[in-house]
PDB file of N, CA and C in Angstrom:
ATOM      1  N   MET A   1     136.169 298.166  42.652  1.00  0.00           N
ATOM      2  CA  MET A   1     135.480 297.195  41.825  1.00  0.00           C
ATOM      3  C   MET A   1     136.438 296.185  41.196  1.00  0.00           C
ATOM      4  N   PRO A   2     137.633 296.600  40.746  1.00  0.00           N
ATOM      5  CA  PRO A   2     138.544 295.610  40.161  1.00  0.00           C
ATOM      6  C   PRO A   2     138.934 294.523  41.172  1.00  0.00           C
ATOM      7  N   THR A   3     139.020 294.884  42.458  1.00  0.00           N
ATOM      8  CA  THR A   3     139.388 293.895  43.460  1.00  0.00           C
ATOM      9  C   THR A   3     138.284 292.854  43.601  1.00  0.00           C
ATOM     10  N   LEU A   4     137.034 293.275  43.533  1.00  0.00           N
ATOM     11  CA  LEU A   4     135.916 292.349  43.624  1.00  0.00           C
ATOM     12  C   LEU A   4     135.900 291.411  42.423  1.00  0.00           C
ATOM     13  N   VAL A   5     136.153 291.940  41.246  1.00  0.00           N
ATOM     14  CA  VAL A   5     136.177 291.119  40.034  1.00  0.00           C
ATOM     15  C   VAL A   5     137.306 290.102  40.134  1.00  0.00           C
ATOM     16  N   ARG A   6     138.471 290.523  40.635  1.00  0.00           N
ATOM     17  CA  ARG A   6     139.598 289.604  40.822  1.00  0.00           C
ATOM     18  C   ARG A   6     139.240 288.499  41.806  1.00  0.00           C
ATOM     19  N   LEU A   7     138.593 288.865  42.905  1.00  0.00           N
ATOM     20  CA  LEU A   7     138.203 287.884  43.918  1.00  0.00           C
ATOM     21  C   LEU A   7     137.229 286.866  43.339  1.00  0.00           C
ATOM     22  N   VAL A   8     136.216 287.340  42.646  1.00  0.00           N
ATOM     23  CA  VAL A   8     135.225 286.443  42.058  1.00  0.00           C
ATOM     24  C   VAL A   8     135.882 285.548  41.012  1.00  0.00           C
ATOM     25  N   THR A   9     136.810 286.091  40.229  1.00  0.00           N
ATOM     26  CA  THR A   9     137.508 285.296  39.215  1.00  0.00           C
ATOM     27  C   THR A   9     138.343 284.199  39.864  1.00  0.00           C
ATOM     28  N   VAL A  10     139.068 284.527  40.919  1.00  0.00           N
ATOM     29  CA  VAL A  10     139.900 283.529  41.608  1.00  0.00           C
ATOM     30  C   VAL A  10     139.016 282.453  42.228  1.00  0.00           C
ATOM     31  N   LEU A  11     137.919 282.852  42.862  1.00  0.00           N
ATOM     32  CA  LEU A  11     137.012 281.869  43.448  1.00  0.00           C
ATOM     33  C   LEU A  11     136.398 280.972  42.372  1.00  0.00           C
ATOM     34  N   ALA A  12     136.060 281.531  41.230  1.00  0.00           N
ATOM     35  CA  ALA A  12     135.508 280.735  40.129  1.00  0.00           C
ATOM     36  C   ALA A  12     136.546 279.754  39.594  1.00  0.00           C
ATOM     37  N   LEU A  13     137.803 280.174  39.501  1.00  0.00           N
ATOM     38  CA  LEU A  13     138.862 279.270  39.042  1.00  0.00           C
ATOM     39  C   LEU A  13     139.092 278.132  40.037  1.00  0.00           C
ATOM     40  N   ILE A  14     139.057 278.439  41.315  1.00  0.00           N
ATOM     41  CA  ILE A  14     139.235 277.393  42.338  1.00  0.00           C
ATOM     42  C   ILE A  14     138.060 276.409  42.277  1.00  0.00           C
ATOM     43  N   ALA A  15     136.840 276.921  42.161  1.00  0.00           N
ATOM     44  CA  ALA A  15     135.670 276.045  42.076  1.00  0.00           C
ATOM     45  C   ALA A  15     135.716 275.193  40.808  1.00  0.00           C
ATOM     46  N   GLY A  16     136.142 275.774  39.700  1.00  0.00           N
ATOM     47  CA  GLY A  16     136.270 275.020  38.450  1.00  0.00           C
ATOM     48  C   GLY A  16     137.316 273.926  38.553  1.00  0.00           C
ATOM     49  N   THR A  17     138.426 274.223  39.241  1.00  0.00           N
ATOM     50  CA  THR A  17     139.471 273.218  39.424  1.00  0.00           C
ATOM     51  C   THR A  17     138.962 272.059  40.277  1.00  0.00           C
ATOM     52  N   VAL A  18     138.255 272.372  41.346  1.00  0.00           N
ATOM     53  CA  VAL A  18     137.707 271.325  42.215  1.00  0.00           C
ATOM     54  C   VAL A  18     136.713 270.465  41.427  1.00  0.00           C
ATOM     55  N   LEU A  19     135.848 271.085  40.650  1.00  0.00           N
ATOM     56  CA  LEU A  19     134.888 270.321  39.854  1.00  0.00           C
ATOM     57  C   LEU A  19     135.591 269.463  38.801  1.00  0.00           C
ATOM     58  N   ALA A  20     136.645 269.982  38.195  1.00  0.00           N
ATOM     59  CA  ALA A  20     137.382 269.210  37.191  1.00  0.00           C
ATOM     60  C   ALA A  20     138.047 267.993  37.828  1.00  0.00           C
ATOM     61  N   VAL A  21     138.608 268.154  39.030  1.00  0.00           N
ATOM     62  CA  VAL A  21     139.235 267.027  39.726  1.00  0.00           C
ATOM     63  C   VAL A  21     138.180 265.987  40.090  1.00  0.00           C
ATOM     64  N   MET A  22     137.023 266.432  40.555  1.00  0.00           N
ATOM     65  CA  MET A  22     135.949 265.496  40.891  1.00  0.00           C
ATOM     66  C   MET A  22     135.478 264.733  39.651  1.00  0.00           C
ATOM     67  N   ALA A  23     135.336 265.414  38.534  1.00  0.00           N
ATOM     68  CA  ALA A  23     134.912 264.757  37.293  1.00  0.00           C
ATOM     69  C   ALA A  23     135.962 263.750  36.834  1.00  0.00           C
ATOM     70  N   ALA A  24     137.248 264.089  36.988  1.00  0.00           N
ATOM     71  CA  ALA A  24     138.311 263.159  36.617  1.00  0.00           C
ATOM     72  C   ALA A  24     138.283 261.917  37.504  1.00  0.00           C
ATOM     73  N   LEU A  25     138.040 262.092  38.794  1.00  0.00           N
ATOM     74  CA  LEU A  25     137.953 260.940  39.695  1.00  0.00           C
ATOM     75  C   LEU A  25     136.782 260.032  39.324  1.00  0.00           C
ATOM     76  N   VAL A  26     135.650 260.622  39.002  1.00  0.00           N
ATOM     77  CA  VAL A  26     134.482 259.827  38.624  1.00  0.00           C
ATOM     78  C   VAL A  26     134.757 259.063  37.338  1.00  0.00           C
ATOM     79  N   THR A  27     135.464 259.675  36.411  1.00  0.00           N
ATOM     80  CA  THR A  27     135.696 259.061  35.105  1.00  0.00           C
ATOM     81  C   THR A  27     136.768 257.982  35.143  1.00  0.00           C
ATOM     82  N   PHE A  28     137.871 258.236  35.825  1.00  0.00           N
ATOM     83  CA  PHE A  28     139.042 257.363  35.707  1.00  0.00           C
ATOM     84  C   PHE A  28     139.236 256.368  36.844  1.00  0.00           C
ATOM     85  N   VAL A  29     138.577 256.526  37.959  1.00  0.00           N
ATOM     86  CA  VAL A  29     138.812 255.634  39.097  1.00  0.00           C
ATOM     87  C   VAL A  29     137.639 254.675  39.231  1.00  0.00           C
ATOM     88  N   GLU A  30     137.953 253.378  39.229  1.00  0.00           N
ATOM     89  CA  GLU A  30     136.939 252.349  39.422  1.00  0.00           C
ATOM     90  C   GLU A  30     137.048 251.815  40.847  1.00  0.00           C
ATOM     91  N   PRO A  31     135.948 251.768  41.599  1.00  0.00           N
ATOM     92  CA  PRO A  31     136.008 251.240  42.957  1.00  0.00           C
ATOM     93  C   PRO A  31     136.191 249.726  42.951  1.00  0.00           C
ATOM     94  N   VAL A  32     136.863 249.226  43.977  1.00  0.00           N
ATOM     95  CA  VAL A  32     137.065 247.793  44.131  1.00  0.00           C
ATOM     96  C   VAL A  32     136.064 247.304  45.172  1.00  0.00           C
ATOM     97  N   ARG A  33     135.260 246.329  44.797  1.00  0.00           N
ATOM     98  CA  ARG A  33     134.254 245.813  45.726  1.00  0.00           C
ATOM     99  C   ARG A  33     134.813 244.579  46.425  1.00  0.00           C
ATOM    100  N   VAL A  34     134.753 244.594  47.737  1.00  0.00           N
ATOM    101  CA  VAL A  34     135.188 243.447  48.536  1.00  0.00           C
ATOM    102  C   VAL A  34     134.080 243.112  49.526  1.00  0.00           C
ATOM    103  N   PRO A  35     133.898 241.835  49.817  1.00  0.00           N
ATOM    104  CA  PRO A  35     132.862 241.482  50.792  1.00  0.00           C
ATOM    105  C   PRO A  35     133.281 241.890  52.207  1.00  0.00           C
ATOM    106  N   VAL A  36     132.325 242.401  52.956  1.00  0.00           N
ATOM    107  CA  VAL A  36     132.590 242.834  54.324  1.00  0.00           C
ATOM    108  C   VAL A  36     131.588 242.121  55.235  1.00  0.00           C
ATOM    109  N   SER A  37     132.097 241.535  56.312  1.00  0.00           N
ATOM    110  CA  SER A  37     131.232 240.856  57.267  1.00  0.00           C
ATOM    111  C   SER A  37     131.566 241.362  58.657  1.00  0.00           C
ATOM    112  N   VAL A  38     130.554 241.904  59.336  1.00  0.00           N
ATOM    113  CA  VAL A  38     130.746 242.439  60.678  1.00  0.00           C
ATOM    114  C   VAL A  38     129.680 241.838  61.578  1.00  0.00           C
ATOM    115  N   GLU A  39     130.108 241.199  62.672  1.00  0.00           N
ATOM    116  CA  GLU A  39     129.156 240.651  63.624  1.00  0.00           C
ATOM    117  C   GLU A  39     128.732 241.747  64.593  1.00  0.00           C
ATOM    118  N   VAL A  40     127.432 241.910  64.727  1.00  0.00           N
ATOM    119  CA  VAL A  40     126.901 242.923  65.629  1.00  0.00           C
ATOM    120  C   VAL A  40     126.180 242.209  66.762  1.00  0.00           C
ATOM    121  N   PRO A  41     126.697 242.298  67.995  1.00  0.00           N
ATOM    122  CA  PRO A  41     126.024 241.620  69.103  1.00  0.00           C
ATOM    123  C   PRO A  41     124.723 242.343  69.468  1.00  0.00           C
ATOM    124  N   VAL A  42     123.723 241.559  69.808  1.00  0.00           N
ATOM    125  CA  VAL A  42     122.439 242.120  70.217  1.00  0.00           C
ATOM    126  C   VAL A  42     122.356 241.994  71.732  1.00  0.00           C
ATOM    127  N   PRO A  43     122.428 243.093  72.468  1.00  0.00           N
ATOM    128  CA  PRO A  43     122.440 243.022  73.927  1.00  0.00           C
ATOM    129  C   PRO A  43     121.179 242.390  74.518  1.00  0.00           C
ATOM    130  N   GLY A  44     120.038 242.507  73.872  1.00  0.00           N
ATOM    131  CA  GLY A  44     118.804 241.958  74.396  1.00  0.00           C
ATOM    132  C   GLY A  44     118.777 240.438  74.399  1.00  0.00           C
ATOM    133  N   LEU A  45     119.569 239.800  73.555  1.00  0.00           N
ATOM    134  CA  LEU A  45     119.574 238.343  73.472  1.00  0.00           C
ATOM    135  C   LEU A  45     120.613 237.701  74.375  1.00  0.00           C
ATOM    136  N   GLN A  46     121.517 238.457  74.922  1.00  0.00           N
ATOM    137  CA  GLN A  46     122.566 237.913  75.766  1.00  0.00           C
ATOM    138  C   GLN A  46     122.087 237.861  77.216  1.00  0.00           C
ATOM    139  N   ALA A  47     122.532 236.823  77.938  1.00  0.00           N
ATOM    140  CA  ALA A  47     122.194 236.704  79.348  1.00  0.00           C
ATOM    141  C   ALA A  47     122.988 237.741  80.137  1.00  0.00           C
ATOM    142  N   PRO A  48     122.373 238.350  81.149  1.00  0.00           N
ATOM    143  CA  PRO A  48     123.119 239.337  81.941  1.00  0.00           C
ATOM    144  C   PRO A  48     124.218 238.656  82.746  1.00  0.00           C
ATOM    145  N   THR A  49     125.345 239.321  82.836  1.00  0.00           N
ATOM    146  CA  THR A  49     126.479 238.785  83.586  1.00  0.00           C
ATOM    147  C   THR A  49     126.542 239.478  84.941  1.00  0.00           C
ATOM    148  N   PRO A  50     127.111 238.814  85.970  1.00  0.00           N
ATOM    149  CA  PRO A  50     127.211 239.456  87.282  1.00  0.00           C
ATOM    150  C   PRO A  50     128.036 240.733  87.252  1.00  0.00           C
ATOM    151  N   ALA A  51     129.029 240.793  86.397  1.00  0.00           N
ATOM    152  CA  ALA A  51     129.880 241.986  86.332  1.00  0.00           C
ATOM    153  C   ALA A  51     129.102 243.180  85.791  1.00  0.00           C
ATOM    154  N   ALA A  52     128.052 242.914  85.028  1.00  0.00           N
ATOM    155  CA  ALA A  52     127.289 244.009  84.436  1.00  0.00           C
ATOM    156  C   ALA A  52     126.321 244.627  85.437  1.00  0.00           C
ATOM    157  N   SER A  53     126.034 243.923  86.539  1.00  0.00           N
ATOM    158  CA  SER A  53     125.110 244.479  87.518  1.00  0.00           C
ATOM    159  C   SER A  53     125.808 245.548  88.354  1.00  0.00           C
ATOM    160  N   ALA A  54     125.032 246.253  89.133  1.00  0.00           N
ATOM    161  CA  ALA A  54     125.574 247.330  89.964  1.00  0.00           C
ATOM    162  C   ALA A  54     126.485 246.733  91.038  1.00  0.00           C
ATOM    163  N   PRO A  55     127.584 247.391  91.339  1.00  0.00           N
ATOM    164  CA  PRO A  55     128.486 246.854  92.362  1.00  0.00           C
ATOM    165  C   PRO A  55     127.835 246.907  93.741  1.00  0.00           C
ATOM    166  N   ALA A  56     128.153 245.909  94.554  1.00  0.00           N
ATOM    167  CA  ALA A  56     127.610 245.858  95.912  1.00  0.00           C
ATOM    168  C   ALA A  56     128.279 246.915  96.764  1.00  0.00           C
ATOM    169  N   GLU A  57     127.490 247.511  97.661  1.00  0.00           N
ATOM    170  CA  GLU A  57     128.051 248.543  98.527  1.00  0.00           C
ATOM    171  C   GLU A  57     128.844 247.891  99.654  1.00  0.00           C
ATOM    172  N   GLU A  58     129.952 248.508 100.013  1.00  0.00           N
ATOM    173  CA  GLU A  58     130.763 248.006 101.123  1.00  0.00           C
ATOM    174  C   GLU A  58     130.102 248.428 102.435  1.00  0.00           C
ATOM    175  N   PRO A  59     130.172 247.570 103.460  1.00  0.00           N
ATOM    176  CA  PRO A  59     129.579 247.967 104.744  1.00  0.00           C
ATOM    177  C   PRO A  59     130.345 249.127 105.349  1.00  0.00           C
ATOM    178  N   ALA A  60     129.625 249.970 106.064  1.00  0.00           N
ATOM    179  CA  ALA A  60     130.255 251.129 106.713  1.00  0.00           C
ATOM    180  C   ALA A  60     131.171 250.652 107.822  1.00  0.00           C
ATOM    181  N   PRO A  61     132.334 251.285 108.012  1.00  0.00           N
ATOM    182  CA  PRO A  61     133.227 250.875 109.097  1.00  0.00           C
ATOM    183  C   PRO A  61     132.578 251.151 110.445  1.00  0.00           C
ATOM    184  N   GLU A  62     132.852 250.254 111.371  1.00  0.00           N
ATOM    185  CA  GLU A  62     132.271 250.429 112.718  1.00  0.00           C
ATOM    186  C   GLU A  62     132.994 251.552 113.434  1.00  0.00           C
ATOM    187  N   ALA A  63     132.205 252.382 114.077  1.00  0.00           N
ATOM    188  CA  ALA A  63     132.780 253.519 114.792  1.00  0.00           C
ATOM    189  C   ALA A  63     133.263 253.059 116.182  1.00  0.00           C
ATOM    190  N   GLU A  64     134.379 253.596 116.582  1.00  0.00           N
ATOM    191  CA  GLU A  64     134.893 253.260 117.925  1.00  0.00           C
ATOM    192  C   GLU A  64     134.091 254.023 118.958  1.00  0.00           C
ATOM    193  N   PRO A  65     133.825 253.421 120.107  1.00  0.00           N
ATOM    194  CA  PRO A  65     133.063 254.141 121.143  1.00  0.00           C
ATOM    195  C   PRO A  65     133.858 255.328 121.678  1.00  0.00           C
ATOM    196  N   ALA A  66     133.170 256.375 121.963  1.00  0.00           N
ATOM    197  CA  ALA A  66     133.832 257.575 122.501  1.00  0.00           C
ATOM    198  C   ALA A  66     134.209 257.330 123.958  1.00  0.00           C
ATOM    199  N   PRO A  67     135.387 257.811 124.424  1.00  0.00           N
ATOM    200  CA  PRO A  67     135.777 257.589 125.831  1.00  0.00           C
ATOM    201  C   PRO A  67     134.977 258.420 126.793  1.00  0.00           C
TER     202      PRO A  67
END
Protein backbone atom coordinates (compact mmCIF):
# COMPACT_ATOMS: atom_id res chain seq x y z
CA MET A 1 0.00 0.00 0.00
CA PRO A 2 2.78 2.53 0.71
CA THR A 3 4.08 2.03 -2.84
CA LEU A 4 0.65 2.86 -4.28
CA VAL A 5 0.39 5.99 -2.14
CA ARG A 6 3.88 7.05 -3.29
CA LEU A 7 2.93 6.47 -6.93
CA VAL A 8 -0.30 8.45 -6.64
CA THR A 9 1.55 11.26 -4.82
CA VAL A 10 4.24 11.48 -7.51
CA LEU A 11 1.64 11.46 -10.29
CA ALA A 12 -0.34 14.20 -8.50
CA LEU A 13 2.82 16.32 -8.14
CA ILE A 14 3.64 15.91 -11.84
CA ALA A 15 0.07 16.82 -12.83
CA GLY A 16 0.14 19.84 -10.50
CA THR A 17 3.43 21.00 -12.00
CA VAL A 18 2.07 20.70 -15.54
CA LEU A 19 -1.06 22.65 -14.58
CA ALA A 20 1.02 25.34 -12.85
CA VAL A 21 3.20 25.76 -15.96
CA MET A 22 0.10 26.00 -18.17
CA ALA A 23 -1.45 28.62 -15.87
CA ALA A 24 1.81 30.61 -15.91
CA LEU A 25 1.88 30.54 -19.72
CA VAL A 26 -1.72 31.75 -19.92
CA THR A 27 -1.03 34.55 -17.45
CA PHE A 28 2.36 35.86 -18.58
CA VAL A 29 2.60 35.22 -22.33
CA GLU A 30 0.77 37.49 -24.76
CA PRO A 31 0.35 36.21 -28.33
CA VAL A 32 1.54 38.37 -31.20
CA ARG A 33 -1.03 38.76 -33.97
CA VAL A 34 0.28 39.08 -37.51
CA PRO A 35 -1.72 39.11 -40.73
CA VAL A 36 -1.47 35.91 -42.76
CA SER A 37 -2.41 35.63 -46.42
CA VAL A 38 -2.39 32.30 -48.24
CA GLU A 39 -3.56 31.85 -51.82
CA VAL A 40 -5.49 28.64 -52.30
CA PRO A 41 -5.87 27.55 -55.94
CA VAL A 42 -9.25 26.16 -56.92
CA PRO A 43 -8.71 23.24 -59.32
CA GLY A 44 -12.25 23.49 -60.73
CA LEU A 45 -11.65 27.00 -62.08
CA GLN A 46 -8.36 26.26 -63.82
CA ALA A 47 -8.23 25.08 -67.43
CA PRO A 48 -6.92 21.52 -67.81
CA THR A 49 -3.37 21.30 -69.08
CA PRO A 50 -2.11 18.64 -71.53
CA ALA A 51 0.42 17.42 -68.97
CA ALA A 52 -2.40 16.68 -66.54
CA SER A 53 -4.12 14.29 -68.94
CA ALA A 54 -3.29 10.60 -69.13
CA PRO A 55 -0.07 9.83 -71.00
CA ALA A 56 -0.43 8.45 -74.51
CA GLU A 57 0.40 4.79 -74.93
CA GLU A 58 3.45 3.93 -77.01
CA PRO A 59 2.80 1.72 -80.04
CA ALA A 60 3.77 -1.92 -79.64
CA PRO A 61 7.05 -2.85 -81.35
CA GLU A 62 6.62 -4.72 -84.60
CA ALA A 63 7.44 -8.38 -84.34
CA GLU A 64 9.98 -9.83 -86.75
CA PRO A 65 8.63 -12.61 -88.98
CA ALA A 66 9.61 -16.09 -87.92
CA PRO A 67 12.01 -17.89 -90.34
